[in-house]
Protein backbone atom coordinates (compact mmCIF):
# COMPACT_ATOMS: atom_id res chain seq x y z
CA MET A 1 -6.78 10.55 21.05
CA LEU A 2 -5.31 7.83 23.09
CA TYR A 3 -8.08 5.37 23.50
CA ILE A 4 -8.94 6.04 19.09
CA SER A 5 -5.22 4.95 18.46
CA THR A 6 -5.29 1.60 20.30
CA ILE A 7 -8.97 0.78 18.19
CA ALA A 8 -7.16 2.39 15.08
CA GLY A 9 -4.29 0.34 15.43
CA LEU A 10 -6.26 -2.40 13.88
CA LEU A 11 -6.67 -0.03 10.53
CA VAL A 12 -4.80 -0.91 8.17
CA ILE A 13 7.42 18.41 -4.12
CA GLY A 14 7.97 21.90 -6.23
CA VAL A 15 7.36 22.97 -9.66
CA LEU A 16 7.89 19.98 -12.68
CA PRO A 17 12.07 19.32 -12.95
CA LEU A 18 12.07 18.42 -16.09
CA CYS A 19 16.00 17.73 -15.88
CA SER A 20 18.03 14.37 -15.41
CA LEU A 21 20.64 14.25 -12.89
CA ALA A 22 24.09 13.34 -13.48
CA ALA A 23 24.97 10.61 -11.19
CA SER A 24 28.79 12.18 -11.14
CA ASN A 25 28.09 13.85 -8.11
CA VAL A 26 28.41 10.50 -6.28
CA THR A 27 31.65 10.52 -3.51
CA VAL A 28 33.81 7.72 -4.08
CA THR A 29 35.51 5.95 -1.46
CA THR A 30 36.93 2.23 -1.07
CA LYS A 31 36.25 -0.78 1.02
CA ASN A 32 37.61 -4.00 1.08
CA ALA A 33 36.45 -6.76 -1.31
CA THR A 34 33.34 -8.56 0.37
CA GLY A 35 33.49 -11.49 -1.66
CA PHE A 36 29.52 -11.10 -2.47
CA PRO A 37 29.73 -9.42 -6.14
CA PRO A 38 26.90 -7.27 -5.96
CA CYS A 39 28.17 -6.04 -2.79
CA ASP A 40 31.62 -5.29 -4.82
CA ALA A 41 30.00 -3.89 -7.54
CA LEU A 42 28.42 -0.93 -5.71
CA ILE A 43 32.34 -0.75 -3.90
CA GLN A 44 33.59 -0.11 -7.18
CA ALA A 45 31.40 2.54 -8.25
CA GLY A 46 32.13 4.51 -5.38
CA LEU A 47 29.08 3.90 -3.24
CA GLY A 48 30.96 1.53 -0.27
CA ASN A 49 29.76 4.10 2.23
CA ARG A 50 25.61 3.58 1.75
CA LEU A 51 26.53 0.13 2.60
CA LEU A 52 25.00 -2.33 5.89
CA PHE A 53 26.59 -5.66 6.26
CA ALA A 54 25.38 -8.16 8.40
CA THR A 55 28.90 -7.15 10.35
CA ASP A 56 28.23 -3.98 10.98
CA PRO A 57 26.14 -2.70 14.05
CA ASP A 58 23.23 -0.39 12.47
CA TYR A 59 22.64 -3.51 10.23
CA GLU A 60 20.38 -5.35 12.30
CA PRO A 61 18.18 -2.49 13.83
CA ARG A 62 17.53 -2.13 10.23
CA ILE A 63 16.28 -5.11 9.84
CA ALA A 64 14.19 -4.68 12.40
CA SER A 65 12.65 -2.14 10.93
CA TRP A 66 10.64 -3.95 8.47
CA TRP A 67 7.11 -4.17 9.61
CA ALA A 68 6.16 -7.75 9.34
CA LEU A 69 8.58 -10.78 11.01
CA ASN A 70 8.33 -12.90 8.21
CA THR A 71 9.32 -10.14 5.84
CA ARG A 72 12.99 -9.28 7.75
CA LEU A 73 15.19 -11.07 5.41
CA HIS A 74 19.09 -10.65 5.69
CA PRO A 75 20.21 -9.42 2.08
CA TRP A 76 23.92 -9.89 1.46
CA CYS A 77 24.37 -5.88 1.88
CA LEU A 78 21.48 -2.82 2.18
CA PHE A 79 22.24 0.15 -0.07
CA GLN A 80 20.92 3.50 1.55
CA PRO A 81 21.48 5.77 -1.08
CA GLN A 82 20.87 9.81 -0.15
CA ASN A 83 19.28 10.73 -3.35
CA THR A 84 18.15 9.90 -7.08
CA ALA A 85 21.95 10.31 -8.43
CA GLU A 86 22.90 7.39 -6.04
CA VAL A 87 20.53 5.74 -7.19
CA SER A 88 21.06 5.75 -11.11
CA THR A 89 24.86 4.92 -10.11
CA SER A 90 23.14 2.06 -8.38
CA MET A 91 21.56 0.57 -11.02
CA ASN A 92 24.41 0.74 -13.41
CA ALA A 93 26.91 -1.23 -11.48
CA LEU A 94 24.34 -3.81 -9.90
CA LEU A 95 22.91 -4.53 -13.51
CA GLY A 96 26.25 -4.43 -14.87
CA ALA A 97 27.51 -6.74 -12.09
CA GLY A 98 26.21 -9.98 -14.06
CA ASP A 99 22.93 -11.55 -14.56
CA GLY A 100 22.42 -12.83 -10.98
CA ALA A 101 24.71 -16.36 -12.15
CA GLY A 102 25.01 -18.21 -8.52
CA ASP A 103 21.32 -17.18 -7.70
CA TRP A 104 21.42 -13.59 -6.32
CA HIS A 105 18.79 -10.86 -7.11
CA ILE A 106 17.98 -7.14 -5.79
CA ALA A 107 14.88 -6.00 -3.86
CA VAL A 108 13.84 -2.48 -3.45
CA ARG A 109 12.37 -1.09 0.19
CA ALA A 110 10.58 2.54 0.18
CA GLY A 111 8.42 2.01 3.39
CA GLY A 112 8.89 -1.88 4.40
CA HIS A 113 4.97 -2.38 4.75
CA ASN A 114 3.71 -5.17 2.45
CA THR A 115 3.55 -8.81 3.74
CA GLY A 116 4.55 -10.19 0.85
CA ARG A 117 8.60 -10.73 -0.19
CA THR A 118 8.29 -8.09 -2.51
CA ASN A 119 10.56 -5.52 -1.07
CA ASN A 120 13.35 -7.30 0.91
CA VAL A 121 16.16 -10.24 -0.44
CA ASP A 122 18.31 -12.67 1.36
CA ASN A 123 20.75 -13.57 -1.42
CA GLY A 124 21.33 -10.34 -3.07
CA VAL A 125 20.94 -6.81 -2.51
CA THR A 126 18.04 -4.83 -0.84
CA ILE A 127 18.03 -0.73 -1.98
CA ASP A 128 16.92 0.94 0.66
CA LEU A 129 15.28 4.25 0.07
CA GLY A 130 14.65 5.19 3.52
CA ASN A 131 16.73 8.23 3.53
CA MET A 132 15.37 9.87 0.44
CA ASN A 133 12.68 10.82 2.58
CA ARG A 134 11.95 14.31 1.83
CA THR A 135 8.65 16.01 1.31
CA THR A 136 8.86 19.55 0.31
CA TYR A 137 5.85 22.16 -0.78
CA ASP A 138 5.91 24.71 -3.44
CA SER A 139 2.56 27.28 -3.10
CA GLN A 140 3.28 28.36 -6.85
CA SER A 141 3.00 25.24 -8.30
CA ASN A 142 0.91 23.43 -5.65
CA LEU A 143 2.63 20.80 -5.63
CA ALA A 144 3.96 18.61 -2.76
CA SER A 145 7.15 16.62 -3.53
CA ILE A 146 7.61 13.02 -1.66
CA GLY A 147 10.69 11.32 -1.63
CA PRO A 148 9.73 7.46 -2.00
CA GLY A 149 11.18 6.37 1.48
CA SER A 150 8.95 8.91 3.19
CA LYS A 151 6.31 7.55 5.81
CA TRP A 152 2.83 9.17 5.50
CA LYS A 153 2.48 10.41 9.12
CA ASP A 154 5.41 12.14 8.37
CA VAL A 155 4.70 13.62 4.95
CA TYR A 156 1.51 15.02 6.94
CA ALA A 157 3.49 16.49 9.62
CA GLU A 158 5.64 18.45 7.24
CA LEU A 159 2.77 19.43 4.97
CA HIS A 160 0.44 20.37 7.82
CA LYS A 161 3.26 23.54 8.46
CA HIS A 162 1.95 24.67 5.17
CA GLY A 163 -1.70 24.23 5.61
CA VAL A 164 -1.93 21.86 3.00
CA LEU A 165 -2.33 18.22 2.47
CA VAL A 166 -2.25 15.34 -0.12
CA PRO A 167 -4.14 12.46 0.09
CA GLY A 168 -2.33 9.62 0.94
CA GLY A 169 -2.25 6.84 3.48
CA ARG A 170 -4.47 6.24 6.21
CA ASP A 171 -2.11 4.36 8.59
CA GLY A 172 1.04 6.64 9.16
CA GLY A 173 3.27 3.92 8.96
CA VAL A 174 2.85 3.55 5.59
CA GLY A 175 5.73 4.12 3.18
CA VAL A 176 4.68 6.27 -0.16
CA GLY A 177 6.60 4.39 -2.73
CA GLY A 178 4.49 1.09 -2.70
CA PHE A 179 0.95 2.54 -1.55
CA LEU A 180 1.49 4.65 -4.56
CA LEU A 181 2.68 2.46 -7.42
CA GLY A 182 -0.17 -0.03 -6.45
CA GLY A 183 -3.32 3.23 -6.67
CA GLY A 184 -3.55 4.13 -2.61
CA LEU A 185 -7.32 4.12 -0.58
CA THR A 186 -7.60 7.12 0.99
CA TYR A 187 -9.91 9.37 2.99
CA TYR A 188 -10.37 11.47 -0.07
CA VAL A 189 -11.58 8.74 -2.71
CA GLY A 190 -14.80 10.22 -2.85
CA ARG A 191 -13.48 13.25 -4.32
CA GLU A 192 -10.22 12.83 -5.64
CA ALA A 193 -10.54 8.76 -6.29
CA PHE A 194 -7.11 6.75 -5.64
CA ALA A 195 -4.03 8.61 -4.27
CA CYS A 196 -2.12 8.15 -7.48
CA ASP A 197 -4.65 9.73 -9.25
CA SER A 198 -3.22 12.70 -7.52
CA VAL A 199 0.39 12.11 -8.36
CA LYS A 200 1.54 15.14 -11.65
CA ASN A 201 4.97 13.96 -12.08
CA PHE A 202 6.74 10.37 -11.03
CA GLU A 203 10.95 10.93 -11.32
CA ILE A 204 12.02 7.46 -12.53
CA VAL A 205 15.33 5.73 -12.75
CA LEU A 206 14.78 3.57 -15.27
CA THR A 207 17.44 -0.01 -15.68
CA ASN A 208 19.84 1.57 -17.80
CA GLY A 209 20.38 4.16 -15.46
CA THR A 210 18.61 7.27 -17.06
CA VAL A 211 16.34 9.63 -15.10
CA VAL A 212 13.31 10.75 -16.77
CA ASN A 213 10.39 12.36 -15.45
CA ALA A 214 6.88 10.65 -16.26
CA ASN A 215 4.01 13.57 -16.75
CA LYS A 216 0.82 14.43 -18.54
CA ASP A 217 3.01 16.36 -21.13
CA GLU A 218 6.18 13.91 -21.07
CA ASN A 219 6.78 10.49 -21.31
CA SER A 220 3.01 10.24 -20.49
CA ASP A 221 2.59 6.53 -21.16
CA LEU A 222 4.69 5.98 -18.65
CA TRP A 223 3.11 8.16 -16.60
CA MET A 224 -0.21 6.47 -16.76
CA ALA A 225 1.75 3.10 -16.42
CA LEU A 226 2.73 3.99 -12.96
CA LYS A 227 -0.42 4.91 -11.46
CA GLY A 228 -1.00 0.95 -10.66
CA GLY A 229 0.97 -0.95 -12.75
CA GLY A 230 3.48 -1.62 -10.02
CA SER A 231 6.91 -2.19 -9.75
CA ASN A 232 7.64 -3.00 -13.40
CA PHE A 233 9.94 0.23 -14.95
CA GLY A 234 12.33 0.97 -13.02
CA ILE A 235 13.22 2.84 -9.20
CA VAL A 236 10.40 5.81 -8.90
CA THR A 237 12.42 8.44 -6.62
CA ARG A 238 10.50 11.40 -6.00
CA TYR A 239 6.40 11.87 -6.04
CA ASP A 240 4.84 15.29 -7.40
CA MET A 241 1.02 15.94 -5.86
CA GLU A 242 -1.14 17.83 -6.44
CA ALA A 243 -1.95 19.37 -2.79
CA LEU A 244 -5.35 20.16 -1.01
CA PRO A 245 -5.85 22.98 2.19
CA ASP A 246 -5.74 20.86 5.32
CA LYS A 247 -8.87 20.91 6.44
CA GLU A 248 -9.69 19.14 10.45
CA LEU A 249 -10.88 15.87 10.00
CA ALA A 250 -14.15 14.95 11.98
CA TYR A 251 -12.73 11.38 12.61
CA GLY A 252 -14.35 8.74 15.11
CA ILE A 253 -14.42 4.77 15.49
CA ARG A 254 -17.92 2.78 16.11
CA ILE A 255 -17.02 -0.21 18.29
CA MET A 256 -20.23 -2.79 18.18
CA SER A 257 -21.20 -6.51 18.62
CA ALA A 258 -21.22 -9.03 16.24
CA ASP A 259 -24.56 -9.73 16.54
CA TYR A 260 -25.73 -6.45 15.16
CA SER A 261 -23.30 -8.06 11.56
CA SER A 262 -26.75 -7.45 9.71
CA ASP A 263 -27.22 -4.11 10.57
CA LEU A 264 -23.48 -2.78 9.36
CA VAL A 265 -23.70 -5.13 6.37
CA ASP A 266 -27.22 -2.93 5.43
CA ALA A 267 -24.77 0.17 6.62
CA ILE A 268 -22.04 -0.40 4.41
CA VAL A 269 -24.30 -1.51 1.35
CA HIS A 270 -26.55 1.31 1.74
CA PHE A 271 -23.04 4.26 1.69
CA THR A 272 -21.83 2.44 -1.00
CA ASP A 273 -24.67 2.90 -3.13
CA ASN A 274 -24.99 6.45 -2.38
CA TYR A 275 -21.19 7.13 -2.21
CA GLN A 276 -21.43 10.55 -4.36
CA GLY A 277 -24.25 12.19 -2.51
CA PHE A 278 -22.29 12.30 0.55
CA ASP A 279 -18.35 12.30 -1.23
CA SER A 280 -16.61 14.04 1.88
CA ASP A 281 -16.99 11.18 3.66
CA ALA A 282 -15.37 7.80 4.34
CA LEU A 283 -16.37 4.67 5.74
CA VAL A 284 -14.13 1.59 6.82
CA ALA A 285 -15.82 -0.52 8.19
CA TYR A 286 -14.32 -4.14 9.74
CA LEU A 287 -14.11 -7.23 11.77
CA SER A 288 -11.58 -8.72 14.03
CA HIS A 289 -10.73 -11.21 16.71
CA ASN A 290 -8.26 -9.39 18.92
CA THR A 291 -8.64 -10.58 22.58
CA SER A 292 -5.83 -7.70 23.70
CA ILE A 293 -8.51 -5.05 23.27
CA ILE A 294 -11.40 -6.98 23.85
CA ALA A 295 -12.41 -10.72 25.11
CA SER A 296 -15.16 -11.52 22.87
CA ASP A 297 -14.62 -14.07 19.84
CA VAL A 298 -15.13 -11.21 17.09
CA ILE A 299 -16.39 -7.37 17.04
CA MET A 300 -17.37 -4.86 14.96
CA ALA A 301 -15.81 -1.27 14.17
CA ALA A 302 -16.54 1.14 11.82
CA ILE A 303 -13.81 4.52 10.91
CA HIS A 304 -16.45 7.02 9.72
CA VAL A 305 -14.86 10.23 8.18
CA ASN A 306 -15.47 13.43 6.99
CA THR A 307 -13.00 14.83 5.46
CA GLU A 308 -14.63 18.63 5.62
CA GLY A 309 -14.63 18.23 9.08
CA VAL A 310 -18.54 18.35 9.43
CA GLN A 311 -19.93 16.47 12.58
CA ASN A 312 -23.27 15.21 12.04
CA THR A 313 -22.86 14.07 8.32
CA THR A 314 -26.16 12.28 6.80
CA GLY A 315 -23.77 9.62 5.22
CA PHE A 316 -23.48 7.66 8.28
CA THR A 317 -27.16 7.96 9.41
CA LYS A 318 -27.55 4.18 9.23
CA LEU A 319 -23.97 3.70 11.30
CA ASN A 320 -25.23 5.66 14.11
CA GLN A 321 -28.06 3.66 14.43
CA ILE A 322 -26.63 0.38 15.60
CA PRO A 323 -25.75 -0.09 19.03
CA SER A 324 -21.91 1.25 20.46
CA LEU A 325 -20.45 -1.08 22.43
CA VAL A 326 -18.01 2.35 23.66
CA PRO A 327 -18.90 6.14 23.52
CA ASP A 328 -18.48 6.74 19.53
CA GLU A 329 -16.84 10.18 19.88
CA THR A 330 -16.25 12.10 17.14
CA LEU A 331 -12.74 14.29 17.03
CA SER A 332 -11.88 17.00 15.66
CA VAL A 333 -7.93 16.26 14.36
CA SER A 334 -5.75 17.02 11.25
CA LEU A 335 -4.71 14.16 8.79
CA ALA A 336 -1.03 14.30 10.63
CA GLN A 337 -2.92 13.08 14.02
CA ALA A 338 -5.32 10.64 12.57
CA ALA A 339 -2.22 8.74 10.57
CA GLU A 340 0.28 9.23 13.49
CA GLY A 341 -2.63 7.25 15.95
CA SER A 342 -3.51 4.79 13.52
CA GLN A 343 -0.70 2.52 13.06
CA LEU A 344 -0.54 -0.94 12.72
CA PRO A 345 1.49 -2.59 15.16
CA SER A 346 4.27 -4.72 14.19
CA ARG A 347 6.53 -7.55 15.97
CA SER A 348 4.42 -10.36 14.47
CA TRP A 349 3.85 -12.51 11.18
CA ASN A 350 1.31 -11.53 8.81
CA ALA A 351 -0.53 -12.69 5.62
CA GLY A 352 -3.87 -10.76 3.92
CA ALA A 353 -5.04 -11.18 0.66
CA THR A 354 -8.19 -9.54 -0.65
CA LEU A 355 -10.99 -9.57 -3.17
CA THR A 356 -13.85 -7.29 -4.81
CA PHE A 357 -17.73 -8.11 -5.71
CA LYS A 358 -20.42 -6.50 -6.05
CA ASN A 359 -22.16 -4.62 -3.32
CA ASP A 360 -24.89 -7.47 -2.60
CA LYS A 361 -25.69 -7.74 1.14
CA ARG A 362 -26.07 -11.73 0.41
CA ILE A 363 -22.14 -11.76 0.25
CA LEU A 364 -21.20 -9.40 2.63
CA ASN A 365 -23.29 -11.71 5.03
CA ARG A 366 -22.00 -15.06 3.53
CA ALA A 367 -18.22 -12.72 4.68
CA VAL A 368 -18.82 -12.05 7.96
CA GLN A 369 -20.24 -15.73 8.52
CA LEU A 370 -16.69 -16.98 7.10
CA HIS A 371 -14.59 -14.47 9.35
CA GLY A 372 -16.58 -16.08 12.27
CA GLN A 373 -15.48 -19.49 11.16
CA TYR A 374 -12.09 -18.25 10.73
CA VAL A 375 -11.56 -17.19 13.90
CA GLN A 376 -13.07 -20.67 15.57
CA ASP A 377 -10.70 -22.97 13.39
CA LEU A 378 -8.18 -20.57 14.17
CA LYS A 379 -9.05 -20.54 17.97
CA ASN A 380 -8.91 -24.15 18.04
CA ALA A 381 -5.70 -25.11 16.11
CA LEU A 382 -3.56 -21.68 17.62
CA GLY A 383 -5.05 -20.28 20.84
CA ALA A 384 -7.17 -17.50 20.81
CA ASP A 385 -4.60 -15.22 22.36
CA ASN A 386 -2.05 -16.02 19.63
CA PHE A 387 -3.74 -13.99 16.68
CA VAL A 388 -5.37 -11.26 15.54
CA THR A 389 -7.76 -11.20 12.39
CA TYR A 390 -9.10 -8.66 10.65
CA VAL A 391 -11.61 -8.50 7.71
CA PHE A 392 -12.22 -4.80 6.17
CA PHE A 393 -15.19 -3.93 3.87
CA GLN A 394 -14.29 -0.43 2.26
CA PRO A 395 -16.69 1.10 -0.43
CA LEU A 396 -15.78 1.00 -4.60
CA PRO A 397 -18.68 2.27 -6.78
CA THR A 398 -18.51 2.67 -9.83
CA PHE A 399 -18.23 6.70 -9.82
CA LEU A 400 -14.65 6.77 -8.66
CA GLY A 401 -13.87 5.72 -12.21
CA GLU A 402 -15.11 9.24 -13.74
CA ILE A 403 -13.08 10.95 -11.25
CA SER A 404 -9.83 8.74 -11.60
CA ASN A 405 -10.53 9.87 -15.65
CA GLN A 406 -10.80 12.80 -15.17
CA LYS A 407 -7.31 13.48 -13.42
CA GLY A 408 -6.12 11.41 -16.66
CA GLY A 409 -6.72 7.56 -15.59
CA ASN A 410 -5.23 5.19 -13.96
CA MET A 411 -4.38 1.37 -14.43
CA LEU A 412 -6.93 -0.52 -12.01
CA GLY A 413 -10.16 0.02 -14.87
CA ILE A 414 -12.74 1.21 -12.01
CA ASP A 415 -14.40 3.52 -14.76
CA LEU A 416 -14.76 0.02 -16.74
CA GLN A 417 -16.85 -1.65 -13.27
CA GLU A 418 -20.39 -2.74 -14.08
CA HIS A 419 -21.83 -2.45 -10.67
CA ASN A 420 -21.02 -0.66 -6.92
CA ALA A 421 -18.48 -3.04 -5.64
CA ILE A 422 -16.91 -4.23 -2.33
CA MET A 423 -13.65 -4.32 -1.60
CA TRP A 424 -12.86 -7.19 1.18
CA THR A 425 -9.15 -7.55 3.07
CA GLY A 426 -8.86 -10.52 5.04
CA GLY A 427 -5.55 -10.34 7.14
CA VAL A 428 -4.22 -12.38 9.89
CA ALA A 429 -0.99 -11.31 12.23
CA VAL A 430 0.14 -14.55 14.00
CA LYS A 431 2.14 -13.81 17.59
CA THR A 432 4.16 -17.68 17.73
CA ASP A 433 5.93 -18.38 14.57
CA GLN A 434 5.66 -19.09 10.99
CA GLN A 435 4.25 -22.27 11.22
CA ALA A 436 1.24 -20.89 12.60
CA LEU A 437 1.48 -18.54 9.94
CA ALA A 438 1.50 -21.22 7.46
CA PHE A 439 -1.78 -22.42 9.32
CA ALA A 440 -3.04 -19.07 9.60
CA GLN A 441 -2.03 -17.95 5.38
CA THR A 442 -3.73 -21.71 4.11
CA ARG A 443 -6.98 -21.07 6.14
CA LEU A 444 -7.55 -17.65 5.01
CA ASN A 445 -6.42 -18.49 1.52
CA ALA A 446 -9.45 -21.07 1.54
CA MET A 447 -12.04 -17.82 3.27
CA LEU A 448 -11.03 -16.18 0.28
CA ALA A 449 -11.42 -18.98 -2.81
CA GLU A 450 -15.02 -19.90 -0.73
CA LEU A 451 -16.30 -16.13 -0.29
CA ARG A 452 -15.68 -15.71 -4.36
CA SER A 453 -17.15 -18.82 -5.37
CA PHE A 454 -20.17 -17.66 -3.58
CA SER A 455 -19.93 -13.98 -5.42
CA ALA A 456 -19.51 -15.87 -8.32
CA SER A 457 -23.05 -18.04 -7.66
CA LEU A 458 -25.10 -14.61 -7.22
CA SER A 459 -23.54 -12.89 -10.73
CA GLY A 460 -21.62 -10.42 -8.40
CA GLY A 461 -18.01 -11.51 -8.62
CA ASN A 462 -15.84 -8.69 -9.79
CA ARG A 463 -12.50 -9.15 -11.80
CA LEU A 464 -10.38 -6.84 -10.09
CA ILE A 465 -7.72 -7.74 -7.70
CA TYR A 466 -6.05 -4.60 -5.65
CA LEU A 467 -2.48 -4.91 -5.87
CA ASN A 468 -1.73 -3.63 -2.38
CA TYR A 469 -3.56 -5.91 -0.41
CA ALA A 470 -2.90 -8.70 -2.65
CA ASP A 471 -1.16 -12.42 -1.43
CA SER A 472 1.56 -13.75 -3.60
CA SER A 473 -0.33 -16.12 -4.81
CA GLN A 474 -3.04 -13.38 -6.34
CA ASP A 475 -2.84 -12.05 -9.66
CA PRO A 476 -3.67 -8.26 -9.67
CA LEU A 477 -2.03 -6.73 -12.76
CA GLY A 478 -3.88 -10.13 -14.84
CA SER A 479 -7.34 -8.46 -12.89
CA TYR A 480 -7.01 -5.39 -14.97
CA VAL A 481 -8.34 -4.93 -18.55
CA LYS A 482 -7.27 -6.58 -21.40
CA LYS A 483 -5.84 -2.70 -22.83
CA ASN A 484 -4.37 -1.68 -19.27
CA VAL A 485 -2.51 -5.07 -19.61
CA ASP A 486 -1.44 -4.80 -23.11
CA HIS A 487 -0.61 -0.64 -22.07
CA ILE A 488 1.56 -1.84 -19.23
CA LYS A 489 3.60 -4.54 -21.51
CA ALA A 490 4.14 -2.59 -23.92
CA VAL A 491 5.61 0.69 -21.96
CA ALA A 492 7.51 -2.06 -19.95
CA ALA A 493 9.27 -3.32 -22.87
CA LYS A 494 9.68 0.97 -23.95
CA TYR A 495 11.41 1.58 -20.90
CA ASP A 496 13.16 -1.39 -19.61
CA PRO A 497 13.91 -3.46 -23.19
CA LYS A 498 16.37 -5.84 -21.96
CA GLY A 499 13.60 -6.74 -19.10
CA ALA A 500 15.84 -6.35 -15.91
CA PHE A 501 12.59 -5.41 -13.55
CA GLN A 502 11.29 -8.43 -14.94
CA LYS A 503 14.33 -10.95 -14.18
CA ARG A 504 16.49 -8.97 -11.99
CA PHE A 505 14.13 -7.27 -9.80
CA PRO A 506 11.68 -10.30 -9.22
CA GLY A 507 10.06 -9.06 -5.94
CA GLY A 508 6.07 -8.17 -6.52
CA PHE A 509 4.00 -8.61 -9.22
CA LYS A 510 5.94 -8.70 -12.76
CA ILE A 511 3.61 -7.64 -15.99
CA SER A 512 5.88 -10.51 -17.84
CA ARG A 513 3.85 -13.34 -15.58
CA VAL A 514 0.93 -12.38 -16.73
CA ASP A 515 -0.89 -14.35 -19.86
CA ASP A 516 -1.43 -12.62 -22.44
């Protein structure tokens, strides 16, 4: 498993409680005034013992827990609630401390893995949900209840004790909160669609401090909007997900020479068009430049998984015909083990962007060419050893929309997709400084623009910009079909009538910024 862990580093509960929690459980504490209005408001609300300041010894180590160096901002204070009641109290305190005059804002962190400035802030308060990380399982309801600050590796490890799992993140270091609100691609997508489709209930603190549940029977409009609608309504404090039996995975990684790129493209196209016939399989193919692993300019790899533990599934026949640079050993591992061994390394400056297009060999081959050019540009400017690139190709066939609809629907609109598609995700990790990151990100966005233009020239464009992989320059919510955009806007206006999450919590993609 050690070798697979190294290579995979390239990748990216109980019965529904229907009662609201009271904020009166908060212990009142005293602390000296700080001069920072939002921090002082939290102290006055009795939450002073939940705050970390730059003068506290635990502050800087917590800042270092954000995954990308470029997201390690320094808020005036970190607020670390222990439960839903404290989140409720903080919401009233912070929004009652004024409208941010003097230019301060509020951020919410769940796992801290996003590369954009969505989960942290310099001027203001970051609500750090990391201590709300409990996972429980109720066998009678078959529901796993998961705290928003949990990491997927810890969720799987706990549920493994009960013989169950939930479809969640493949990288064990990714947090639960943002992943589920953006959709969530998993190894189980062929049978379960997006991870958000398995959420049966959201517990959420609204901007007036009220705690509500959103499910198919209660606040069903909010339940629907939260599945892909991102951070537009309130702070989710618990996710209740339908569990699956914890079967071992048949898990392997095939490493290939870039000389066989056309063969890999053929395998991806074939897998995507025939995915429904082997829906227990999962394929994540990628290109990478990473001299710390292999000295060549670009290598190709494919993570291949069967969620039923079948070692010789026919879904990977074409992939297995491509010569492997190292032995491709398919192992029997639990999802917990796979997630623990599949964590992207941190300590670098990171950027990424995404695009979807028709499942077309010509577009995929062009994507391979553009990545090769991108690597050469960065080698010339930054030096071959100072960066890592990756381009992922993930199948997005139309039948996923049918599964989503059967489970209640979501906001992504795959059910209206006209053709099988590929989700392209490009990213870069720079080891030197932010100046180098700026150069790499500029080239990355130019690569995306050229690929988008090429796709359109072949009538192969696809509207979807996947929220969880999008760059801040992109508009994922605006890429949704109009009826879903209208739904998110209506729900945001209903549950947050003053627009606090649009103005006071500016991080992430906001529905108020999407054109009508």
